[in-house]
PDB file of N, CA and C in Angstrom:
ATOM      1  N   MET A   1     -52.414 -12.076 -60.275  1.00  0.00           N
ATOM      2  CA  MET A   1     -52.578 -11.178 -59.226  1.00  0.00           C
ATOM      3  C   MET A   1     -51.293 -11.292 -58.249  1.00  0.00           C
ATOM      4  N   PRO A   2     -50.613 -10.261 -57.922  1.00  0.00           N
ATOM      5  CA  PRO A   2     -49.439 -10.320 -57.052  1.00  0.00           C
ATOM      6  C   PRO A   2     -49.838 -10.738 -55.669  1.00  0.00           C
ATOM      7  N   ILE A   3     -48.958 -11.349 -54.924  1.00  0.00           N
ATOM      8  CA  ILE A   3     -49.145 -11.693 -53.592  1.00  0.00           C
ATOM      9  C   ILE A   3     -48.683 -10.520 -52.699  1.00  0.00           C
ATOM     10  N   LEU A   4     -49.513  -9.899 -51.911  1.00  0.00           N
ATOM     11  CA  LEU A   4     -49.246  -8.839 -51.078  1.00  0.00           C
ATOM     12  C   LEU A   4     -49.361  -9.214 -49.617  1.00  0.00           C
ATOM     13  N   ILE A   5     -48.329  -8.629 -48.945  1.00  0.00           N
ATOM     14  CA  ILE A   5     -48.250  -8.796 -47.450  1.00  0.00           C
ATOM     15  C   ILE A   5     -48.227  -7.470 -46.875  1.00  0.00           C
ATOM     16  N   TYR A   6     -49.227  -7.132 -46.228  1.00  0.00           N
ATOM     17  CA  TYR A   6     -49.446  -5.769 -45.589  1.00  0.00           C
ATOM     18  C   TYR A   6     -49.315  -4.714 -46.689  1.00  0.00           C
ATOM     19  N   GLY A   7     -49.714  -4.879 -47.878  1.00  0.00           N
ATOM     20  CA  GLY A   7     -49.771  -3.980 -49.013  1.00  0.00           C
ATOM     21  C   GLY A   7     -48.472  -3.869 -49.703  1.00  0.00           C
ATOM     22  N   VAL A   8     -47.536  -4.881 -49.414  1.00  0.00           N
ATOM     23  CA  VAL A   8     -46.293  -4.818 -50.082  1.00  0.00           C
ATOM     24  C   VAL A   8     -46.049  -6.080 -50.961  1.00  0.00           C
ATOM     25  N   SER A   9     -45.442  -6.134 -52.002  1.00  0.00           N
ATOM     26  CA  SER A   9     -45.312  -7.289 -52.805  1.00  0.00           C
ATOM     27  C   SER A   9     -44.452  -8.338 -51.942  1.00  0.00           C
ATOM     28  N   PHE A  10     -44.802  -9.558 -52.221  1.00  0.00           N
ATOM     29  CA  PHE A  10     -44.091 -10.695 -51.379  1.00  0.00           C
ATOM     30  C   PHE A  10     -42.561 -10.522 -51.516  1.00  0.00           C
ATOM     31  N   GLU A  11     -42.022 -10.312 -52.791  1.00  0.00           N
ATOM     32  CA  GLU A  11     -40.561 -10.186 -52.951  1.00  0.00           C
ATOM     33  C   GLU A  11     -39.937  -9.038 -52.123  1.00  0.00           C
ATOM     34  N   ARG A  12     -40.643  -7.906 -52.122  1.00  0.00           N
ATOM     35  CA  ARG A  12     -40.099  -6.736 -51.418  1.00  0.00           C
ATOM     36  C   ARG A  12     -40.218  -7.002 -49.875  1.00  0.00           C
ATOM     37  N   PHE A  13     -41.293  -7.692 -49.511  1.00  0.00           N
ATOM     38  CA  PHE A  13     -41.451  -7.917 -48.112  1.00  0.00           C
ATOM     39  C   PHE A  13     -40.328  -8.856 -47.548  1.00  0.00           C
ATOM     40  N   ILE A  14     -40.046  -9.800 -48.353  1.00  0.00           N
ATOM     41  CA  ILE A  14     -38.844 -10.800 -48.001  1.00  0.00           C
ATOM     42  C   ILE A  14     -37.586 -10.024 -47.978  1.00  0.00           C
ATOM     43  N   PHE A  15     -37.227  -9.110 -48.974  1.00  0.00           N
ATOM     44  CA  PHE A  15     -36.139  -8.306 -48.975  1.00  0.00           C
ATOM     45  C   PHE A  15     -36.072  -7.402 -47.698  1.00  0.00           C
ATOM     46  N   TYR A  16     -37.197  -6.760 -47.309  1.00  0.00           N
ATOM     47  CA  TYR A  16     -37.098  -5.965 -46.115  1.00  0.00           C
ATOM     48  C   TYR A  16     -36.901  -6.736 -44.906  1.00  0.00           C
ATOM     49  N   LEU A  17     -37.562  -7.888 -44.794  1.00  0.00           N
ATOM     50  CA  LEU A  17     -37.495  -8.791 -43.710  1.00  0.00           C
ATOM     51  C   LEU A  17     -36.057  -9.345 -43.557  1.00  0.00           C
ATOM     52  N   ALA A  18     -35.477  -9.886 -44.487  1.00  0.00           N
ATOM     53  CA  ALA A  18     -34.203 -10.561 -44.457  1.00  0.00           C
ATOM     54  C   ALA A  18     -32.998  -9.855 -44.717  1.00  0.00           C
ATOM     55  N   TRP A  19     -33.094  -8.778 -45.477  1.00  0.00           N
ATOM     56  CA  TRP A  19     -31.860  -8.071 -45.873  1.00  0.00           C
ATOM     57  C   TRP A  19     -31.721  -6.617 -45.440  1.00  0.00           C
ATOM     58  N   TYR A  20     -32.784  -5.940 -45.655  1.00  0.00           N
ATOM     59  CA  TYR A  20     -32.850  -4.555 -45.320  1.00  0.00           C
ATOM     60  C   TYR A  20     -32.508  -4.201 -43.969  1.00  0.00           C
ATOM     61  N   ASN A  21     -33.034  -5.011 -43.021  1.00  0.00           N
ATOM     62  CA  ASN A  21     -32.790  -4.780 -41.571  1.00  0.00           C
ATOM     63  C   ASN A  21     -31.451  -4.994 -41.189  1.00  0.00           C
ATOM     64  N   LEU A  22     -30.679  -5.805 -41.951  1.00  0.00           N
ATOM     65  CA  LEU A  22     -29.274  -6.099 -41.655  1.00  0.00           C
ATOM     66  C   LEU A  22     -28.304  -4.952 -42.077  1.00  0.00           C
ATOM     67  N   ARG A  23     -28.770  -4.048 -42.978  1.00  0.00           N
ATOM     68  CA  ARG A  23     -27.913  -3.036 -43.503  1.00  0.00           C
ATOM     69  C   ARG A  23     -27.280  -2.126 -42.359  1.00  0.00           C
ATOM     70  N   HIS A  24     -27.979  -1.923 -41.376  1.00  0.00           N
ATOM     71  CA  HIS A  24     -27.443  -1.066 -40.308  1.00  0.00           C
ATOM     72  C   HIS A  24     -27.041  -1.924 -39.124  1.00  0.00           C
ATOM     73  N   SER A  25     -26.591  -3.089 -39.405  1.00  0.00           N
ATOM     74  CA  SER A  25     -26.005  -3.995 -38.382  1.00  0.00           C
ATOM     75  C   SER A  25     -24.387  -3.917 -38.596  1.00  0.00           C
ATOM     76  N   HIS A  26     -23.649  -4.681 -37.655  1.00  0.00           N
ATOM     77  CA  HIS A  26     -22.248  -4.693 -37.852  1.00  0.00           C
ATOM     78  C   HIS A  26     -21.692  -5.923 -38.511  1.00  0.00           C
ATOM     79  N   ILE A  27     -22.802  -6.669 -39.213  1.00  0.00           N
ATOM     80  CA  ILE A  27     -22.449  -7.844 -39.904  1.00  0.00           C
ATOM     81  C   ILE A  27     -21.726  -7.423 -41.274  1.00  0.00           C
ATOM     82  N   TRP A  28     -20.501  -7.935 -41.521  1.00  0.00           N
ATOM     83  CA  TRP A  28     -19.790  -7.623 -42.694  1.00  0.00           C
ATOM     84  C   TRP A  28     -19.986  -8.659 -43.775  1.00  0.00           C
ATOM     85  N   LEU A  29     -20.882  -8.326 -44.701  1.00  0.00           N
ATOM     86  CA  LEU A  29     -21.215  -9.310 -45.750  1.00  0.00           C
ATOM     87  C   LEU A  29     -20.933  -8.583 -47.146  1.00  0.00           C
ATOM     88  N   ALA A  30     -19.974  -8.986 -47.907  1.00  0.00           N
ATOM     89  CA  ALA A  30     -19.705  -8.423 -49.234  1.00  0.00           C
ATOM     90  C   ALA A  30     -19.867  -9.496 -50.327  1.00  0.00           C
ATOM     91  N   TYR A  31     -20.476  -8.932 -51.351  1.00  0.00           N
ATOM     92  CA  TYR A  31     -20.588  -9.861 -52.699  1.00  0.00           C
ATOM     93  C   TYR A  31     -19.196  -9.807 -53.317  1.00  0.00           C
ATOM     94  N   PRO A  32     -19.019 -10.686 -54.226  1.00  0.00           N
ATOM     95  CA  PRO A  32     -17.815 -10.761 -55.135  1.00  0.00           C
ATOM     96  C   PRO A  32     -17.869  -9.286 -55.777  1.00  0.00           C
ATOM     97  N   GLN A  33     -16.681  -8.855 -56.089  1.00  0.00           N
ATOM     98  CA  GLN A  33     -16.460  -7.472 -56.802  1.00  0.00           C
ATOM     99  C   GLN A  33     -17.377  -7.153 -57.888  1.00  0.00           C
ATOM    100  N   TRP A  34     -17.528  -8.185 -58.828  1.00  0.00           N
ATOM    101  CA  TRP A  34     -18.324  -7.920 -60.033  1.00  0.00           C
ATOM    102  C   TRP A  34     -19.819  -7.747 -59.735  1.00  0.00           C
ATOM    103  N   ILE A  35     -20.344  -8.485 -58.653  1.00  0.00           N
ATOM    104  CA  ILE A  35     -21.654  -8.391 -58.317  1.00  0.00           C
ATOM    105  C   ILE A  35     -21.960  -7.082 -57.588  1.00  0.00           C
ATOM    106  N   SER A  36     -20.867  -6.591 -56.783  1.00  0.00           N
ATOM    107  CA  SER A  36     -21.079  -5.402 -56.079  1.00  0.00           C
ATOM    108  C   SER A  36     -21.132  -4.155 -56.988  1.00  0.00           C
ATOM    109  N   HIS A  37     -20.774  -4.251 -58.213  1.00  0.00           N
ATOM    110  CA  HIS A  37     -20.914  -3.137 -59.126  1.00  0.00           C
ATOM    111  C   HIS A  37     -22.369  -3.102 -59.574  1.00  0.00           C
ATOM    112  N   ILE A  38     -23.156  -4.038 -59.328  1.00  0.00           N
ATOM    113  CA  ILE A  38     -24.584  -4.047 -59.731  1.00  0.00           C
ATOM    114  C   ILE A  38     -25.405  -3.977 -58.566  1.00  0.00           C
ATOM    115  N   PHE A  39     -25.277  -4.719 -57.551  1.00  0.00           N
ATOM    116  CA  PHE A  39     -26.020  -4.750 -56.302  1.00  0.00           C
ATOM    117  C   PHE A  39     -25.235  -4.309 -55.098  1.00  0.00           C
ATOM    118  N   ILE A  40     -25.808  -3.587 -54.186  1.00  0.00           N
ATOM    119  CA  ILE A  40     -25.142  -3.182 -52.938  1.00  0.00           C
ATOM    120  C   ILE A  40     -25.354  -4.299 -51.865  1.00  0.00           C
ATOM    121  N   SER A  41     -24.320  -4.747 -51.276  1.00  0.00           N
ATOM    122  CA  SER A  41     -24.376  -5.631 -50.158  1.00  0.00           C
ATOM    123  C   SER A  41     -24.193  -4.823 -48.871  1.00  0.00           C
ATOM    124  N   LEU A  42     -24.236  -5.645 -47.830  1.00  0.00           N
ATOM    125  CA  LEU A  42     -24.026  -4.969 -46.395  1.00  0.00           C
ATOM    126  C   LEU A  42     -22.783  -4.224 -46.272  1.00  0.00           C
ATOM    127  N   ALA A  43     -21.617  -4.767 -46.751  1.00  0.00           N
ATOM    128  CA  ALA A  43     -20.383  -3.911 -46.476  1.00  0.00           C
ATOM    129  C   ALA A  43     -20.292  -2.668 -47.068  1.00  0.00           C
ATOM    130  N   PRO A  44     -20.609  -2.409 -48.314  1.00  0.00           N
ATOM    131  CA  PRO A  44     -20.604  -1.144 -49.004  1.00  0.00           C
ATOM    132  C   PRO A  44     -21.529  -0.136 -48.333  1.00  0.00           C
ATOM    133  N   HIS A  45     -22.681  -0.715 -47.974  1.00  0.00           N
ATOM    134  CA  HIS A  45     -23.657   0.269 -47.353  1.00  0.00           C
ATOM    135  C   HIS A  45     -23.102   0.755 -46.089  1.00  0.00           C
ATOM    136  N   GLN A  46     -22.499  -0.183 -45.361  1.00  0.00           N
ATOM    137  CA  GLN A  46     -21.928   0.263 -44.020  1.00  0.00           C
ATOM    138  C   GLN A  46     -20.776   1.352 -44.211  1.00  0.00           C
ATOM    139  N   ILE A  47     -19.996   1.253 -45.262  1.00  0.00           N
ATOM    140  CA  ILE A  47     -18.972   2.181 -45.634  1.00  0.00           C
ATOM    141  C   ILE A  47     -19.633   3.538 -45.819  1.00  0.00           C
ATOM    142  N   HIS A  48     -20.839   3.625 -46.291  1.00  0.00           N
ATOM    143  CA  HIS A  48     -21.559   4.815 -46.438  1.00  0.00           C
ATOM    144  C   HIS A  48     -21.740   5.575 -45.179  1.00  0.00           C
ATOM    145  N   HIS A  49     -21.833   4.919 -44.070  1.00  0.00           N
ATOM    146  CA  HIS A  49     -22.110   5.453 -42.813  1.00  0.00           C
ATOM    147  C   HIS A  49     -20.703   5.706 -41.971  1.00  0.00           C
ATOM    148  N   SER A  50     -19.555   5.413 -42.632  1.00  0.00           N
ATOM    149  CA  SER A  50     -18.263   5.544 -41.918  1.00  0.00           C
ATOM    150  C   SER A  50     -17.867   6.951 -41.766  1.00  0.00           C
ATOM    151  N   VAL A  51     -17.006   7.205 -40.725  1.00  0.00           N
ATOM    152  CA  VAL A  51     -16.599   8.508 -40.551  1.00  0.00           C
ATOM    153  C   VAL A  51     -15.164   8.726 -41.156  1.00  0.00           C
ATOM    154  N   ASP A  52     -14.689   7.760 -41.619  1.00  0.00           N
ATOM    155  CA  ASP A  52     -13.240   7.771 -42.283  1.00  0.00           C
ATOM    156  C   ASP A  52     -13.435   8.711 -43.535  1.00  0.00           C
ATOM    157  N   ALA A  53     -12.408   9.553 -43.648  1.00  0.00           N
ATOM    158  CA  ALA A  53     -12.403  10.608 -44.758  1.00  0.00           C
ATOM    159  C   ALA A  53     -12.523   9.968 -46.102  1.00  0.00           C
ATOM    160  N   LYS A  54     -11.794   8.715 -46.301  1.00  0.00           N
ATOM    161  CA  LYS A  54     -11.838   8.081 -47.676  1.00  0.00           C
ATOM    162  C   LYS A  54     -13.152   7.554 -47.996  1.00  0.00           C
ATOM    163  N   HIS A  55     -14.111   7.435 -47.062  1.00  0.00           N
ATOM    164  CA  HIS A  55     -15.474   6.945 -47.320  1.00  0.00           C
ATOM    165  C   HIS A  55     -16.505   7.989 -47.441  1.00  0.00           C
ATOM    166  N   TYR A  56     -15.998   9.253 -47.327  1.00  0.00           N
ATOM    167  CA  TYR A  56     -16.965  10.328 -47.361  1.00  0.00           C
ATOM    168  C   TYR A  56     -17.505  10.469 -48.860  1.00  0.00           C
ATOM    169  N   ASP A  57     -18.833  10.656 -48.923  1.00  0.00           N
ATOM    170  CA  ASP A  57     -19.568  10.854 -50.160  1.00  0.00           C
ATOM    171  C   ASP A  57     -19.525   9.545 -51.029  1.00  0.00           C
ATOM    172  N   LYS A  58     -19.482   8.441 -50.433  1.00  0.00           N
ATOM    173  CA  LYS A  58     -19.457   7.135 -51.209  1.00  0.00           C
ATOM    174  C   LYS A  58     -20.684   6.315 -50.901  1.00  0.00           C
ATOM    175  N   ASN A  59     -21.069   5.440 -51.914  1.00  0.00           N
ATOM    176  CA  ASN A  59     -22.011   4.409 -51.740  1.00  0.00           C
ATOM    177  C   ASN A  59     -23.314   4.927 -51.378  1.00  0.00           C
ATOM    178  N   PHE A  60     -24.003   5.611 -52.199  1.00  0.00           N
ATOM    179  CA  PHE A  60     -25.370   6.181 -51.963  1.00  0.00           C
ATOM    180  C   PHE A  60     -26.546   5.197 -52.383  1.00  0.00           C
ATOM    181  N   GLY A  61     -26.126   4.006 -53.022  1.00  0.00           N
ATOM    182  CA  GLY A  61     -27.076   3.223 -53.674  1.00  0.00           C
ATOM    183  C   GLY A  61     -27.899   2.568 -52.547  1.00  0.00           C
ATOM    184  N   TYR A  62     -29.150   2.293 -52.899  1.00  0.00           N
ATOM    185  CA  TYR A  62     -30.210   1.693 -51.982  1.00  0.00           C
ATOM    186  C   TYR A  62     -30.107   0.231 -52.189  1.00  0.00           C
ATOM    187  N   ILE A  63     -30.368  -0.234 -53.418  1.00  0.00           N
ATOM    188  CA  ILE A  63     -30.267  -1.636 -53.832  1.00  0.00           C
ATOM    189  C   ILE A  63     -29.215  -1.838 -54.826  1.00  0.00           C
ATOM    190  N   PHE A  64     -29.132  -0.872 -55.850  1.00  0.00           N
ATOM    191  CA  PHE A  64     -28.200  -1.116 -56.866  1.00  0.00           C
ATOM    192  C   PHE A  64     -26.938  -0.242 -56.742  1.00  0.00           C
ATOM    193  N   GLY A  65     -25.819  -0.846 -57.174  1.00  0.00           N
ATOM    194  CA  GLY A  65     -24.534  -0.181 -56.987  1.00  0.00           C
ATOM    195  C   GLY A  65     -24.055   0.520 -58.345  1.00  0.00           C
ATOM    196  N   PHE A  66     -24.737   0.104 -59.356  1.00  0.00           N
ATOM    197  CA  PHE A  66     -24.280   0.700 -60.737  1.00  0.00           C
ATOM    198  C   PHE A  66     -24.401   2.239 -60.798  1.00  0.00           C
ATOM    199  N   TRP A  67     -25.408   2.817 -60.026  1.00  0.00           N
ATOM    200  CA  TRP A  67     -25.587   4.236 -59.954  1.00  0.00           C
ATOM    201  C   TRP A  67     -24.195   4.869 -59.473  1.00  0.00           C
ATOM    202  N   ASP A  68     -23.808   4.340 -58.356  1.00  0.00           N
ATOM    203  CA  ASP A  68     -22.642   4.819 -57.742  1.00  0.00           C
ATOM    204  C   ASP A  68     -21.318   4.612 -58.535  1.00  0.00           C
ATOM    205  N   TRP A  69     -21.379   3.545 -59.295  1.00  0.00           N
ATOM    206  CA  TRP A  69     -20.325   3.210 -60.191  1.00  0.00           C
ATOM    207  C   TRP A  69     -20.337   4.244 -61.424  1.00  0.00           C
ATOM    208  N   MET A  70     -21.472   4.493 -61.915  1.00  0.00           N
ATOM    209  CA  MET A  70     -21.711   5.395 -63.061  1.00  0.00           C
ATOM    210  C   MET A  70     -21.182   6.792 -62.758  1.00  0.00           C
ATOM    211  N   PHE A  71     -21.513   7.151 -61.438  1.00  0.00           N
ATOM    212  CA  PHE A  71     -21.177   8.636 -61.003  1.00  0.00           C
ATOM    213  C   PHE A  71     -19.928   8.766 -60.270  1.00  0.00           C
ATOM    214  N   GLY A  72     -19.088   7.679 -60.253  1.00  0.00           N
ATOM    215  CA  GLY A  72     -17.788   7.813 -59.584  1.00  0.00           C
ATOM    216  C   GLY A  72     -17.758   7.794 -58.123  1.00  0.00           C
ATOM    217  N   CYS A  73     -18.919   7.344 -57.369  1.00  0.00           N
ATOM    218  CA  CYS A  73     -18.804   7.445 -55.983  1.00  0.00           C
ATOM    219  C   CYS A  73     -18.899   6.017 -55.276  1.00  0.00           C
ATOM    220  N   LEU A  74     -18.597   4.962 -56.124  1.00  0.00           N
ATOM    221  CA  LEU A  74     -18.665   3.607 -55.659  1.00  0.00           C
ATOM    222  C   LEU A  74     -17.344   3.318 -54.857  1.00  0.00           C
ATOM    223  N   TYR A  75     -17.344   2.840 -53.779  1.00  0.00           N
ATOM    224  CA  TYR A  75     -16.088   2.433 -53.022  1.00  0.00           C
ATOM    225  C   TYR A  75     -16.395   1.057 -52.600  1.00  0.00           C
ATOM    226  N   MET A  76     -15.652   0.031 -53.147  1.00  0.00           N
ATOM    227  CA  MET A  76     -15.722  -1.394 -52.829  1.00  0.00           C
ATOM    228  C   MET A  76     -14.522  -1.877 -52.163  1.00  0.00           C
ATOM    229  N   PRO A  77     -14.756  -2.159 -50.922  1.00  0.00           N
ATOM    230  CA  PRO A  77     -13.526  -2.700 -50.096  1.00  0.00           C
ATOM    231  C   PRO A  77     -13.095  -4.082 -50.677  1.00  0.00           C
ATOM    232  N   THR A  78     -11.784  -4.295 -50.730  1.00  0.00           N
ATOM    233  CA  THR A  78     -11.246  -5.560 -51.175  1.00  0.00           C
ATOM    234  C   THR A  78     -11.173  -6.649 -50.101  1.00  0.00           C
ATOM    235  N   SER A  79     -11.234  -6.140 -48.855  1.00  0.00           N
ATOM    236  CA  SER A  79     -11.427  -7.161 -47.710  1.00  0.00           C
ATOM    237  C   SER A  79     -12.024  -6.351 -46.535  1.00  0.00           C
ATOM    238  N   TYR A  80     -12.139  -6.999 -45.459  1.00  0.00           N
ATOM    239  CA  TYR A  80     -12.798  -6.562 -44.233  1.00  0.00           C
ATOM    240  C   TYR A  80     -12.056  -5.193 -43.786  1.00  0.00           C
ATOM    241  N   GLU A  81     -12.822  -4.144 -43.543  1.00  0.00           N
ATOM    242  CA  GLU A  81     -12.307  -2.923 -42.952  1.00  0.00           C
ATOM    243  C   GLU A  81     -13.091  -2.610 -41.618  1.00  0.00           C
ATOM    244  N   LYS A  82     -12.261  -2.371 -40.677  1.00  0.00           N
ATOM    245  CA  LYS A  82     -12.924  -2.015 -39.372  1.00  0.00           C
ATOM    246  C   LYS A  82     -13.347  -0.542 -39.573  1.00  0.00           C
ATOM    247  N   LEU A  83     -14.598  -0.324 -39.296  1.00  0.00           N
ATOM    248  CA  LEU A  83     -15.266   1.043 -39.464  1.00  0.00           C
ATOM    249  C   LEU A  83     -15.595   1.710 -38.188  1.00  0.00           C
ATOM    250  N   ASN A  84     -15.589   2.973 -38.167  1.00  0.00           N
ATOM    251  CA  ASN A  84     -16.064   3.805 -37.047  1.00  0.00           C
ATOM    252  C   ASN A  84     -17.381   4.593 -37.687  1.00  0.00           C
ATOM    253  N   PHE A  85     -18.400   4.389 -37.050  1.00  0.00           N
ATOM    254  CA  PHE A  85     -19.622   4.957 -37.633  1.00  0.00           C
ATOM    255  C   PHE A  85     -20.015   6.384 -36.990  1.00  0.00           C
ATOM    256  N   GLY A  86     -20.602   7.226 -37.730  1.00  0.00           N
ATOM    257  CA  GLY A  86     -20.888   8.485 -37.300  1.00  0.00           C
ATOM    258  C   GLY A  86     -22.162   9.016 -37.913  1.00  0.00           C
TER     259      GLY A  86
END
């Protein structure tokens, strides 16, 4: 029997508590490039909210980056980028 916290699986609860809430912060955290093609870290998700034209229609993934990679809308920064959000 799975462990549930407020009706949510333990693993998903920890994900929401520790990771999901940071997605809309200004903390720049990026996985190595090869992992970022599978899982979305904080940096690529923040790029999704950037107003810079080169970031438009990029990084729609929620947890997985391979969907964006498959459909040609994955943008992976090679280093820190100062972003303006909109």
